[in-house]
Amino acid sequence: CVEELAGPTRAEEGCIFYEFYQSDEDPTVCYFLEE
């Protein structure tokens, strides 16, 4: 789902960055970082 979301989001006007991270220790913990 994130892979489908990232491209259109990054193309939006005003998006400086939009990134998705996943914990190495626990793959059920993820983070979106955006500006």
PDB file of all heavy atoms in Angstrom:
ATOM      1  N   CYS A   1       0.841  -1.208   0.000  1.00  0.00           N
ATOM      2  CA  CYS A   1       0.000   0.000   0.000  1.00  0.00           C
ATOM      3  C   CYS A   1       0.871   1.251   0.000  1.00  0.00           C
ATOM      4  O   CYS A   1       0.568   2.229  -0.689  1.00  0.00           O
ATOM      5  CB  CYS A   1      -0.911   0.017   1.223  1.00  0.00           C
ATOM      6  SG  CYS A   1      -2.189  -1.243   1.240  1.00  0.00           S
ATOM      7  N   VAL A   2       1.946   1.217   0.774  1.00  0.00           N
ATOM      8  CA  VAL A   2       2.856   2.371   0.846  1.00  0.00           C
ATOM      9  C   VAL A   2       3.505   2.614  -0.513  1.00  0.00           C
ATOM     10  O   VAL A   2       3.651   3.761  -0.943  1.00  0.00           O
ATOM     11  CB  VAL A   2       3.926   2.161   1.936  1.00  0.00           C
ATOM     12  CG1 VAL A   2       5.004   3.236   1.860  1.00  0.00           C
ATOM     13  CG2 VAL A   2       3.284   2.151   3.316  1.00  0.00           C
ATOM     14  N   GLU A   3       3.879   1.554  -1.201  1.00  0.00           N
ATOM     15  CA  GLU A   3       4.496   1.706  -2.519  1.00  0.00           C
ATOM     16  C   GLU A   3       3.548   2.391  -3.497  1.00  0.00           C
ATOM     17  O   GLU A   3       3.975   3.214  -4.305  1.00  0.00           O
ATOM     18  CB  GLU A   3       4.943   0.345  -3.052  1.00  0.00           C
ATOM     19  CG  GLU A   3       6.147  -0.177  -2.304  1.00  0.00           C
ATOM     20  CD  GLU A   3       6.572  -1.566  -2.745  1.00  0.00           C
ATOM     21  OE1 GLU A   3       6.118  -2.040  -3.805  1.00  0.00           O
ATOM     22  OE2 GLU A   3       7.375  -2.179  -2.016  1.00  0.00           O
ATOM     23  N   GLU A   4       2.247   2.104  -3.403  1.00  0.00           N
ATOM     24  CA  GLU A   4       1.265   2.766  -4.260  1.00  0.00           C
ATOM     25  C   GLU A   4       1.075   4.233  -3.867  1.00  0.00           C
ATOM     26  O   GLU A   4       0.775   5.067  -4.711  1.00  0.00           O
ATOM     27  CB  GLU A   4      -0.078   2.049  -4.175  1.00  0.00           C
ATOM     28  CG  GLU A   4      -0.093   0.706  -4.851  1.00  0.00           C
ATOM     29  CD  GLU A   4      -1.458   0.052  -4.784  1.00  0.00           C
ATOM     30  OE1 GLU A   4      -2.480   0.768  -4.722  1.00  0.00           O
ATOM     31  OE2 GLU A   4      -1.504  -1.185  -4.786  1.00  0.00           O
ATOM     32  N   LEU A   5       1.227   4.545  -2.606  1.00  0.00           N
ATOM     33  CA  LEU A   5       1.010   5.893  -2.096  1.00  0.00           C
ATOM     34  C   LEU A   5       2.189   6.827  -2.353  1.00  0.00           C
ATOM     35  O   LEU A   5       2.001   8.014  -2.627  1.00  0.00           O
ATOM     36  CB  LEU A   5       0.751   5.819  -0.583  1.00  0.00           C
ATOM     37  CG  LEU A   5       0.604   7.129   0.181  1.00  0.00           C
ATOM     38  CD1 LEU A   5      -0.672   7.850  -0.243  1.00  0.00           C
ATOM     39  CD2 LEU A   5       0.605   6.853   1.676  1.00  0.00           C
ATOM     40  N   ALA A   6       3.394   6.317  -2.276  1.00  0.00           N
ATOM     41  CA  ALA A   6       4.588   7.161  -2.283  1.00  0.00           C
ATOM     42  C   ALA A   6       4.751   7.984  -3.559  1.00  0.00           C
ATOM     43  O   ALA A   6       5.027   9.187  -3.489  1.00  0.00           O
ATOM     44  CB  ALA A   6       5.834   6.314  -2.042  1.00  0.00           C
ATOM     45  N   GLY A   7       4.611   7.384  -4.710  1.00  0.00           N
ATOM     46  CA  GLY A   7       4.824   8.107  -5.970  1.00  0.00           C
ATOM     47  C   GLY A   7       3.914   9.311  -6.131  1.00  0.00           C
ATOM     48  O   GLY A   7       4.384  10.438  -6.328  1.00  0.00           O
ATOM     49  N   PRO A   8       2.590   9.112  -6.042  1.00  0.00           N
ATOM     50  CA  PRO A   8       1.692  10.258  -6.181  1.00  0.00           C
ATOM     51  C   PRO A   8       1.904  11.312  -5.089  1.00  0.00           C
ATOM     52  O   PRO A   8       1.788  12.507  -5.350  1.00  0.00           O
ATOM     53  CB  PRO A   8       0.295   9.648  -6.069  1.00  0.00           C
ATOM     54  CG  PRO A   8       0.456   8.214  -6.384  1.00  0.00           C
ATOM     55  CD  PRO A   8       1.856   7.850  -5.974  1.00  0.00           C
ATOM     56  N   THR A   9       2.231  10.872  -3.896  1.00  0.00           N
ATOM     57  CA  THR A   9       2.454  11.825  -2.808  1.00  0.00           C
ATOM     58  C   THR A   9       3.686  12.673  -3.087  1.00  0.00           C
ATOM     59  O   THR A   9       3.657  13.897  -2.949  1.00  0.00           O
ATOM     60  CB  THR A   9       2.597  11.089  -1.463  1.00  0.00           C
ATOM     61  OG1 THR A   9       1.361  10.428  -1.174  1.00  0.00           O
ATOM     62  CG2 THR A   9       2.938  12.054  -0.345  1.00  0.00           C
ATOM     63  N   ARG A  10       4.767  12.043  -3.481  1.00  0.00           N
ATOM     64  CA  ARG A  10       6.003  12.788  -3.755  1.00  0.00           C
ATOM     65  C   ARG A  10       5.843  13.758  -4.920  1.00  0.00           C
ATOM     66  O   ARG A  10       6.572  14.743  -5.007  1.00  0.00           O
ATOM     67  CB  ARG A  10       7.144  11.808  -4.016  1.00  0.00           C
ATOM     68  CG  ARG A  10       7.561  11.078  -2.765  1.00  0.00           C
ATOM     69  CD  ARG A  10       8.621  10.050  -3.048  1.00  0.00           C
ATOM     70  NE  ARG A  10       9.033   9.405  -1.809  1.00  0.00           N
ATOM     71  CZ  ARG A  10       9.453   8.154  -1.740  1.00  0.00           C
ATOM     72  NH1 ARG A  10       9.544   7.420  -2.843  1.00  0.00           N
ATOM     73  NH2 ARG A  10       9.804   7.642  -0.583  1.00  0.00           N
ATOM     74  N   ALA A  11       4.897  13.483  -5.811  1.00  0.00           N
ATOM     75  CA  ALA A  11       4.658  14.360  -6.952  1.00  0.00           C
ATOM     76  C   ALA A  11       3.760  15.553  -6.610  1.00  0.00           C
ATOM     77  O   ALA A  11       3.622  16.465  -7.413  1.00  0.00           O
ATOM     78  CB  ALA A  11       4.031  13.561  -8.091  1.00  0.00           C
ATOM     79  N   GLU A  12       3.179  15.561  -5.425  1.00  0.00           N
ATOM     80  CA  GLU A  12       2.275  16.644  -5.054  1.00  0.00           C
ATOM     81  C   GLU A  12       3.018  17.960  -4.850  1.00  0.00           C
ATOM     82  O   GLU A  12       4.144  17.975  -4.345  1.00  0.00           O
ATOM     83  CB  GLU A  12       1.557  16.311  -3.738  1.00  0.00           C
ATOM     84  CG  GLU A  12       0.491  15.268  -3.863  1.00  0.00           C
ATOM     85  CD  GLU A  12      -0.175  14.995  -2.535  1.00  0.00           C
ATOM     86  OE1 GLU A  12      -0.647  15.960  -1.891  1.00  0.00           O
ATOM     87  OE2 GLU A  12      -0.206  13.818  -2.127  1.00  0.00           O
ATOM     88  N   GLU A  13       2.346  19.028  -5.220  1.00  0.00           N
ATOM     89  CA  GLU A  13       2.886  20.358  -4.965  1.00  0.00           C
ATOM     90  C   GLU A  13       3.017  20.547  -3.456  1.00  0.00           C
ATOM     91  O   GLU A  13       2.109  20.217  -2.702  1.00  0.00           O
ATOM     92  CB  GLU A  13       1.956  21.427  -5.531  1.00  0.00           C
ATOM     93  CG  GLU A  13       2.476  22.819  -5.335  1.00  0.00           C
ATOM     94  CD  GLU A  13       1.562  23.866  -5.912  1.00  0.00           C
ATOM     95  OE1 GLU A  13       0.685  23.530  -6.725  1.00  0.00           O
ATOM     96  OE2 GLU A  13       1.734  25.029  -5.538  1.00  0.00           O
ATOM     97  N   GLY A  14       4.167  21.015  -3.028  1.00  0.00           N
ATOM     98  CA  GLY A  14       4.389  21.287  -1.616  1.00  0.00           C
ATOM     99  C   GLY A  14       5.064  20.163  -0.852  1.00  0.00           C
ATOM    100  O   GLY A  14       5.461  20.353   0.295  1.00  0.00           O
ATOM    101  N   CYS A  15       5.205  18.990  -1.472  1.00  0.00           N
ATOM    102  CA  CYS A  15       5.879  17.881  -0.804  1.00  0.00           C
ATOM    103  C   CYS A  15       7.392  18.072  -0.920  1.00  0.00           C
ATOM    104  O   CYS A  15       7.945  18.071  -2.017  1.00  0.00           O
ATOM    105  CB  CYS A  15       5.479  16.541  -1.419  1.00  0.00           C
ATOM    106  SG  CYS A  15       6.277  15.126  -0.629  1.00  0.00           S
ATOM    107  N   ILE A  16       8.044  18.238   0.205  1.00  0.00           N
ATOM    108  CA  ILE A  16       9.492  18.396   0.222  1.00  0.00           C
ATOM    109  C   ILE A  16      10.151  17.029   0.320  1.00  0.00           C
ATOM    110  O   ILE A  16      11.072  16.714  -0.409  1.00  0.00           O
ATOM    111  CB  ILE A  16       9.923  19.335   1.362  1.00  0.00           C
ATOM    112  CG1 ILE A  16       9.335  20.725   1.086  1.00  0.00           C
ATOM    113  CG2 ILE A  16      11.442  19.377   1.500  1.00  0.00           C
ATOM    114  CD1 ILE A  16       9.450  21.698   2.219  1.00  0.00           C
ATOM    115  N   PHE A  17       9.690  16.205   1.257  1.00  0.00           N
ATOM    116  CA  PHE A  17      10.084  14.801   1.264  1.00  0.00           C
ATOM    117  C   PHE A  17       9.016  13.961   1.924  1.00  0.00           C
ATOM    118  O   PHE A  17       8.224  14.430   2.736  1.00  0.00           O
ATOM    119  CB  PHE A  17      11.470  14.555   1.877  1.00  0.00           C
ATOM    120  CG  PHE A  17      11.577  14.767   3.356  1.00  0.00           C
ATOM    121  CD1 PHE A  17      11.184  13.802   4.265  1.00  0.00           C
ATOM    122  CD2 PHE A  17      12.117  15.941   3.845  1.00  0.00           C
ATOM    123  CE1 PHE A  17      11.310  14.003   5.629  1.00  0.00           C
ATOM    124  CE2 PHE A  17      12.244  16.159   5.205  1.00  0.00           C
ATOM    125  CZ  PHE A  17      11.833  15.181   6.095  1.00  0.00           C
ATOM    126  N   TYR A  18       8.984  12.696   1.525  1.00  0.00           N
ATOM    127  CA  TYR A  18       7.996  11.746   2.024  1.00  0.00           C
ATOM    128  C   TYR A  18       8.685  10.396   2.019  1.00  0.00           C
ATOM    129  O   TYR A  18       8.979   9.845   0.959  1.00  0.00           O
ATOM    130  CB  TYR A  18       6.774  11.738   1.104  1.00  0.00           C
ATOM    131  CG  TYR A  18       5.593  11.012   1.674  1.00  0.00           C
ATOM    132  CD1 TYR A  18       4.746  11.634   2.582  1.00  0.00           C
ATOM    133  CD2 TYR A  18       5.318   9.706   1.302  1.00  0.00           C
ATOM    134  CE1 TYR A  18       3.653  10.969   3.101  1.00  0.00           C
ATOM    135  CE2 TYR A  18       4.224   9.033   1.806  1.00  0.00           C
ATOM    136  CZ  TYR A  18       3.385   9.683   2.710  1.00  0.00           C
ATOM    137  OH  TYR A  18       2.303   9.024   3.226  1.00  0.00           O
ATOM    138  N   GLU A  19       8.995   9.892   3.203  1.00  0.00           N
ATOM    139  CA  GLU A  19       9.789   8.667   3.309  1.00  0.00           C
ATOM    140  C   GLU A  19       9.131   7.689   4.271  1.00  0.00           C
ATOM    141  O   GLU A  19       8.431   8.078   5.204  1.00  0.00           O
ATOM    142  CB  GLU A  19      11.198   9.008   3.786  1.00  0.00           C
ATOM    143  CG  GLU A  19      11.920   9.921   2.822  1.00  0.00           C
ATOM    144  CD  GLU A  19      13.282  10.375   3.306  1.00  0.00           C
ATOM    145  OE1 GLU A  19      13.609  10.181   4.498  1.00  0.00           O
ATOM    146  OE2 GLU A  19      14.024  10.937   2.494  1.00  0.00           O
ATOM    147  N   PHE A  20       9.409   6.425   4.051  1.00  0.00           N
ATOM    148  CA  PHE A  20       8.858   5.348   4.865  1.00  0.00           C
ATOM    149  C   PHE A  20      10.008   4.513   5.386  1.00  0.00           C
ATOM    150  O   PHE A  20      10.905   4.146   4.622  1.00  0.00           O
ATOM    151  CB  PHE A  20       7.924   4.484   4.011  1.00  0.00           C
ATOM    152  CG  PHE A  20       7.301   3.338   4.740  1.00  0.00           C
ATOM    153  CD1 PHE A  20       6.311   3.562   5.679  1.00  0.00           C
ATOM    154  CD2 PHE A  20       7.693   2.048   4.484  1.00  0.00           C
ATOM    155  CE1 PHE A  20       5.714   2.502   6.354  1.00  0.00           C
ATOM    156  CE2 PHE A  20       7.114   0.973   5.141  1.00  0.00           C
ATOM    157  CZ  PHE A  20       6.120   1.202   6.084  1.00  0.00           C
ATOM    158  N   TYR A  21       9.995   4.233   6.679  1.00  0.00           N
ATOM    159  CA  TYR A  21      11.048   3.450   7.320  1.00  0.00           C
ATOM    160  C   TYR A  21      10.435   2.296   8.095  1.00  0.00           C
ATOM    161  O   TYR A  21       9.320   2.399   8.600  1.00  0.00           O
ATOM    162  CB  TYR A  21      11.853   4.319   8.299  1.00  0.00           C
ATOM    163  CG  TYR A  21      12.636   5.405   7.615  1.00  0.00           C
ATOM    164  CD1 TYR A  21      12.054   6.624   7.321  1.00  0.00           C
ATOM    165  CD2 TYR A  21      13.951   5.199   7.224  1.00  0.00           C
ATOM    166  CE1 TYR A  21      12.761   7.622   6.670  1.00  0.00           C
ATOM    167  CE2 TYR A  21      14.667   6.187   6.574  1.00  0.00           C
ATOM    168  CZ  TYR A  21      14.068   7.398   6.303  1.00  0.00           C
ATOM    169  OH  TYR A  21      14.770   8.374   5.657  1.00  0.00           O
ATOM    170  N   GLN A  22      11.203   1.216   8.193  1.00  0.00           N
ATOM    171  CA  GLN A  22      10.774   0.041   8.931  1.00  0.00           C
ATOM    172  C   GLN A  22      11.892  -0.354   9.885  1.00  0.00           C
ATOM    173  O   GLN A  22      13.075  -0.357   9.506  1.00  0.00           O
ATOM    174  CB  GLN A  22      10.474  -1.096   7.961  1.00  0.00           C
ATOM    175  CG  GLN A  22       9.865  -2.314   8.582  1.00  0.00           C
ATOM    176  CD  GLN A  22       9.467  -3.320   7.517  1.00  0.00           C
ATOM    177  OE1 GLN A  22      10.072  -3.396   6.452  1.00  0.00           O
ATOM    178  NE2 GLN A  22       8.457  -4.110   7.818  1.00  0.00           N
ATOM    179  N   SER A  23      11.537  -0.682  11.107  1.00  0.00           N
ATOM    180  CA  SER A  23      12.519  -1.068  12.121  1.00  0.00           C
ATOM    181  C   SER A  23      13.248  -2.347  11.717  1.00  0.00           C
ATOM    182  O   SER A  23      12.628  -3.306  11.245  1.00  0.00           O
ATOM    183  CB  SER A  23      11.806  -1.282  13.461  1.00  0.00           C
ATOM    184  OG  SER A  23      12.671  -1.896  14.386  1.00  0.00           O
ATOM    185  N   ASP A  24      14.564  -2.370  11.933  1.00  0.00           N
ATOM    186  CA  ASP A  24      15.345  -3.591  11.696  1.00  0.00           C
ATOM    187  C   ASP A  24      15.068  -4.637  12.769  1.00  0.00           C
ATOM    188  O   ASP A  24      15.100  -5.836  12.493  1.00  0.00           O
ATOM    189  CB  ASP A  24      16.847  -3.277  11.692  1.00  0.00           C
ATOM    190  CG  ASP A  24      17.265  -2.479  10.478  1.00  0.00           C
ATOM    191  OD1 ASP A  24      16.557  -2.506   9.451  1.00  0.00           O
ATOM    192  OD2 ASP A  24      18.309  -1.814  10.555  1.00  0.00           O
ATOM    193  N   GLU A  25      14.801  -4.184  13.987  1.00  0.00           N
ATOM    194  CA  GLU A  25      14.569  -5.105  15.099  1.00  0.00           C
ATOM    195  C   GLU A  25      13.160  -5.676  15.119  1.00  0.00           C
ATOM    196  O   GLU A  25      12.940  -6.797  15.563  1.00  0.00           O
ATOM    197  CB  GLU A  25      14.837  -4.420  16.455  1.00  0.00           C
ATOM    198  CG  GLU A  25      16.286  -4.124  16.737  1.00  0.00           C
ATOM    199  CD  GLU A  25      16.757  -2.835  16.057  1.00  0.00           C
ATOM    200  OE1 GLU A  25      15.927  -1.925  15.833  1.00  0.00           O
ATOM    201  OE2 GLU A  25      17.949  -2.760  15.735  1.00  0.00           O
ATOM    202  N   ASP A  26      12.188  -4.877  14.687  1.00  0.00           N
ATOM    203  CA  ASP A  26      10.790  -5.298  14.732  1.00  0.00           C
ATOM    204  C   ASP A  26      10.094  -4.810  13.468  1.00  0.00           C
ATOM    205  O   ASP A  26       9.719  -3.645  13.376  1.00  0.00           O
ATOM    206  CB  ASP A  26      10.111  -4.720  15.977  1.00  0.00           C
ATOM    207  CG  ASP A  26       8.668  -5.162  16.132  1.00  0.00           C
ATOM    208  OD1 ASP A  26       8.114  -5.791  15.201  1.00  0.00           O
ATOM    209  OD2 ASP A  26       8.082  -4.856  17.180  1.00  0.00           O
ATOM    210  N   PRO A  27       9.887  -5.664  12.481  1.00  0.00           N
ATOM    211  CA  PRO A  27       9.307  -5.233  11.210  1.00  0.00           C
ATOM    212  C   PRO A  27       7.867  -4.744  11.309  1.00  0.00           C
ATOM    213  O   PRO A  27       7.339  -4.185  10.357  1.00  0.00           O
ATOM    214  CB  PRO A  27       9.413  -6.472  10.316  1.00  0.00           C
ATOM    215  CG  PRO A  27       9.584  -7.613  11.240  1.00  0.00           C
ATOM    216  CD  PRO A  27      10.244  -7.082  12.475  1.00  0.00           C
ATOM    217  N   THR A  28       7.232  -4.917  12.465  1.00  0.00           N
ATOM    218  CA  THR A  28       5.872  -4.398  12.625  1.00  0.00           C
ATOM    219  C   THR A  28       5.869  -2.927  13.041  1.00  0.00           C
ATOM    220  O   THR A  28       4.810  -2.315  13.113  1.00  0.00           O
ATOM    221  CB  THR A  28       5.071  -5.212  13.669  1.00  0.00           C
ATOM    222  OG1 THR A  28       5.632  -5.024  14.968  1.00  0.00           O
ATOM    223  CG2 THR A  28       5.036  -6.685  13.313  1.00  0.00           C
ATOM    224  N   VAL A  29       7.044  -2.361  13.297  1.00  0.00           N
ATOM    225  CA  VAL A  29       7.140  -0.947  13.663  1.00  0.00           C
ATOM    226  C   VAL A  29       7.674  -0.169  12.470  1.00  0.00           C
ATOM    227  O   VAL A  29       8.759  -0.442  11.967  1.00  0.00           O
ATOM    228  CB  VAL A  29       8.053  -0.740  14.891  1.00  0.00           C
ATOM    229  CG1 VAL A  29       8.213   0.741  15.200  1.00  0.00           C
ATOM    230  CG2 VAL A  29       7.499  -1.486  16.092  1.00  0.00           C
ATOM    231  N   CYS A  30       6.885   0.811  12.026  1.00  0.00           N
ATOM    232  CA  CYS A  30       7.232   1.605  10.843  1.00  0.00           C
ATOM    233  C   CYS A  30       7.018   3.084  11.134  1.00  0.00           C
ATOM    234  O   CYS A  30       6.294   3.454  12.047  1.00  0.00           O
ATOM    235  CB  CYS A  30       6.339   1.207   9.672  1.00  0.00           C
ATOM    236  SG  CYS A  30       6.467  -0.539   9.246  1.00  0.00           S
ATOM    237  N   TYR A  31       7.650   3.896  10.309  1.00  0.00           N
ATOM    238  CA  TYR A  31       7.540   5.346  10.446  1.00  0.00           C
ATOM    239  C   TYR A  31       7.391   5.988   9.082  1.00  0.00           C
ATOM    240  O   TYR A  31       8.087   5.615   8.140  1.00  0.00           O
ATOM    241  CB  TYR A  31       8.800   5.932  11.103  1.00  0.00           C
ATOM    242  CG  TYR A  31       9.055   5.435  12.490  1.00  0.00           C
ATOM    243  CD1 TYR A  31       9.789   4.275  12.704  1.00  0.00           C
ATOM    244  CD2 TYR A  31       8.575   6.123  13.595  1.00  0.00           C
ATOM    245  CE1 TYR A  31      10.030   3.805  13.984  1.00  0.00           C
ATOM    246  CE2 TYR A  31       8.813   5.672  14.881  1.00  0.00           C
ATOM    247  CZ  TYR A  31       9.542   4.510  15.066  1.00  0.00           C
ATOM    248  OH  TYR A  31       9.772   4.045  16.339  1.00  0.00           O
ATOM    249  N   PHE A  32       6.505   6.955   8.990  1.00  0.00           N
ATOM    250  CA  PHE A  32       6.472   7.880   7.869  1.00  0.00           C
ATOM    251  C   PHE A  32       7.155   9.149   8.344  1.00  0.00           C
ATOM    252  O   PHE A  32       6.833   9.677   9.414  1.00  0.00           O
ATOM    253  CB  PHE A  32       5.039   8.249   7.479  1.00  0.00           C
ATOM    254  CG  PHE A  32       4.349   7.239   6.622  1.00  0.00           C
ATOM    255  CD1 PHE A  32       3.345   6.442   7.144  1.00  0.00           C
ATOM    256  CD2 PHE A  32       4.680   7.094   5.287  1.00  0.00           C
ATOM    257  CE1 PHE A  32       2.688   5.522   6.356  1.00  0.00           C
ATOM    258  CE2 PHE A  32       4.028   6.169   4.489  1.00  0.00           C
ATOM    259  CZ  PHE A  32       3.029   5.384   5.031  1.00  0.00           C
ATOM    260  N   LEU A  33       8.105   9.651   7.580  1.00  0.00           N
ATOM    261  CA  LEU A  33       8.714  10.954   7.824  1.00  0.00           C
ATOM    262  C   LEU A  33       8.355  11.813   6.637  1.00  0.00           C
ATOM    263  O   LEU A  33       8.570  11.404   5.489  1.00  0.00           O
ATOM    264  CB  LEU A  33      10.238  10.859   7.943  1.00  0.00           C
ATOM    265  CG  LEU A  33      10.779  10.435   9.303  1.00  0.00           C
ATOM    266  CD1 LEU A  33      10.466   9.000   9.583  1.00  0.00           C
ATOM    267  CD2 LEU A  33      12.251  10.692   9.359  1.00  0.00           C
ATOM    268  N   GLU A  34       7.792  12.983   6.919  1.00  0.00           N
ATOM    269  CA  GLU A  34       7.386  13.835   5.819  1.00  0.00           C
ATOM    270  C   GLU A  34       7.582  15.303   6.154  1.00  0.00           C
ATOM    271  O   GLU A  34       7.564  15.692   7.311  1.00  0.00           O
ATOM    272  CB  GLU A  34       5.944  13.562   5.425  1.00  0.00           C
ATOM    273  CG  GLU A  34       4.951  13.652   6.545  1.00  0.00           C
ATOM    274  CD  GLU A  34       3.592  13.119   6.150  1.00  0.00           C
ATOM    275  OE1 GLU A  34       2.905  13.779   5.335  1.00  0.00           O
ATOM    276  OE2 GLU A  34       3.220  12.044   6.637  1.00  0.00           O
ATOM    277  N   GLU A  35       7.792  16.062   5.093  1.00  0.00           N
ATOM    278  CA  GLU A  35       7.911  17.502   5.229  1.00  0.00           C
ATOM    279  C   GLU A  35       7.142  18.139   4.089  1.00  0.00           C
ATOM    280  O   GLU A  35       7.277  17.740   2.934  1.00  0.00           O
ATOM    281  CB  GLU A  35       9.365  17.955   5.193  1.00  0.00           C
ATOM    282  CG  GLU A  35       9.521  19.437   5.409  1.00  0.00           C
ATOM    283  CD  GLU A  35      10.966  19.876   5.538  1.00  0.00           C
ATOM    284  OE1 GLU A  35      11.874  19.019   5.553  1.00  0.00           O
ATOM    285  OE2 GLU A  35      11.186  21.087   5.610  1.00  0.00           O
TER     286      GLU A  35
END
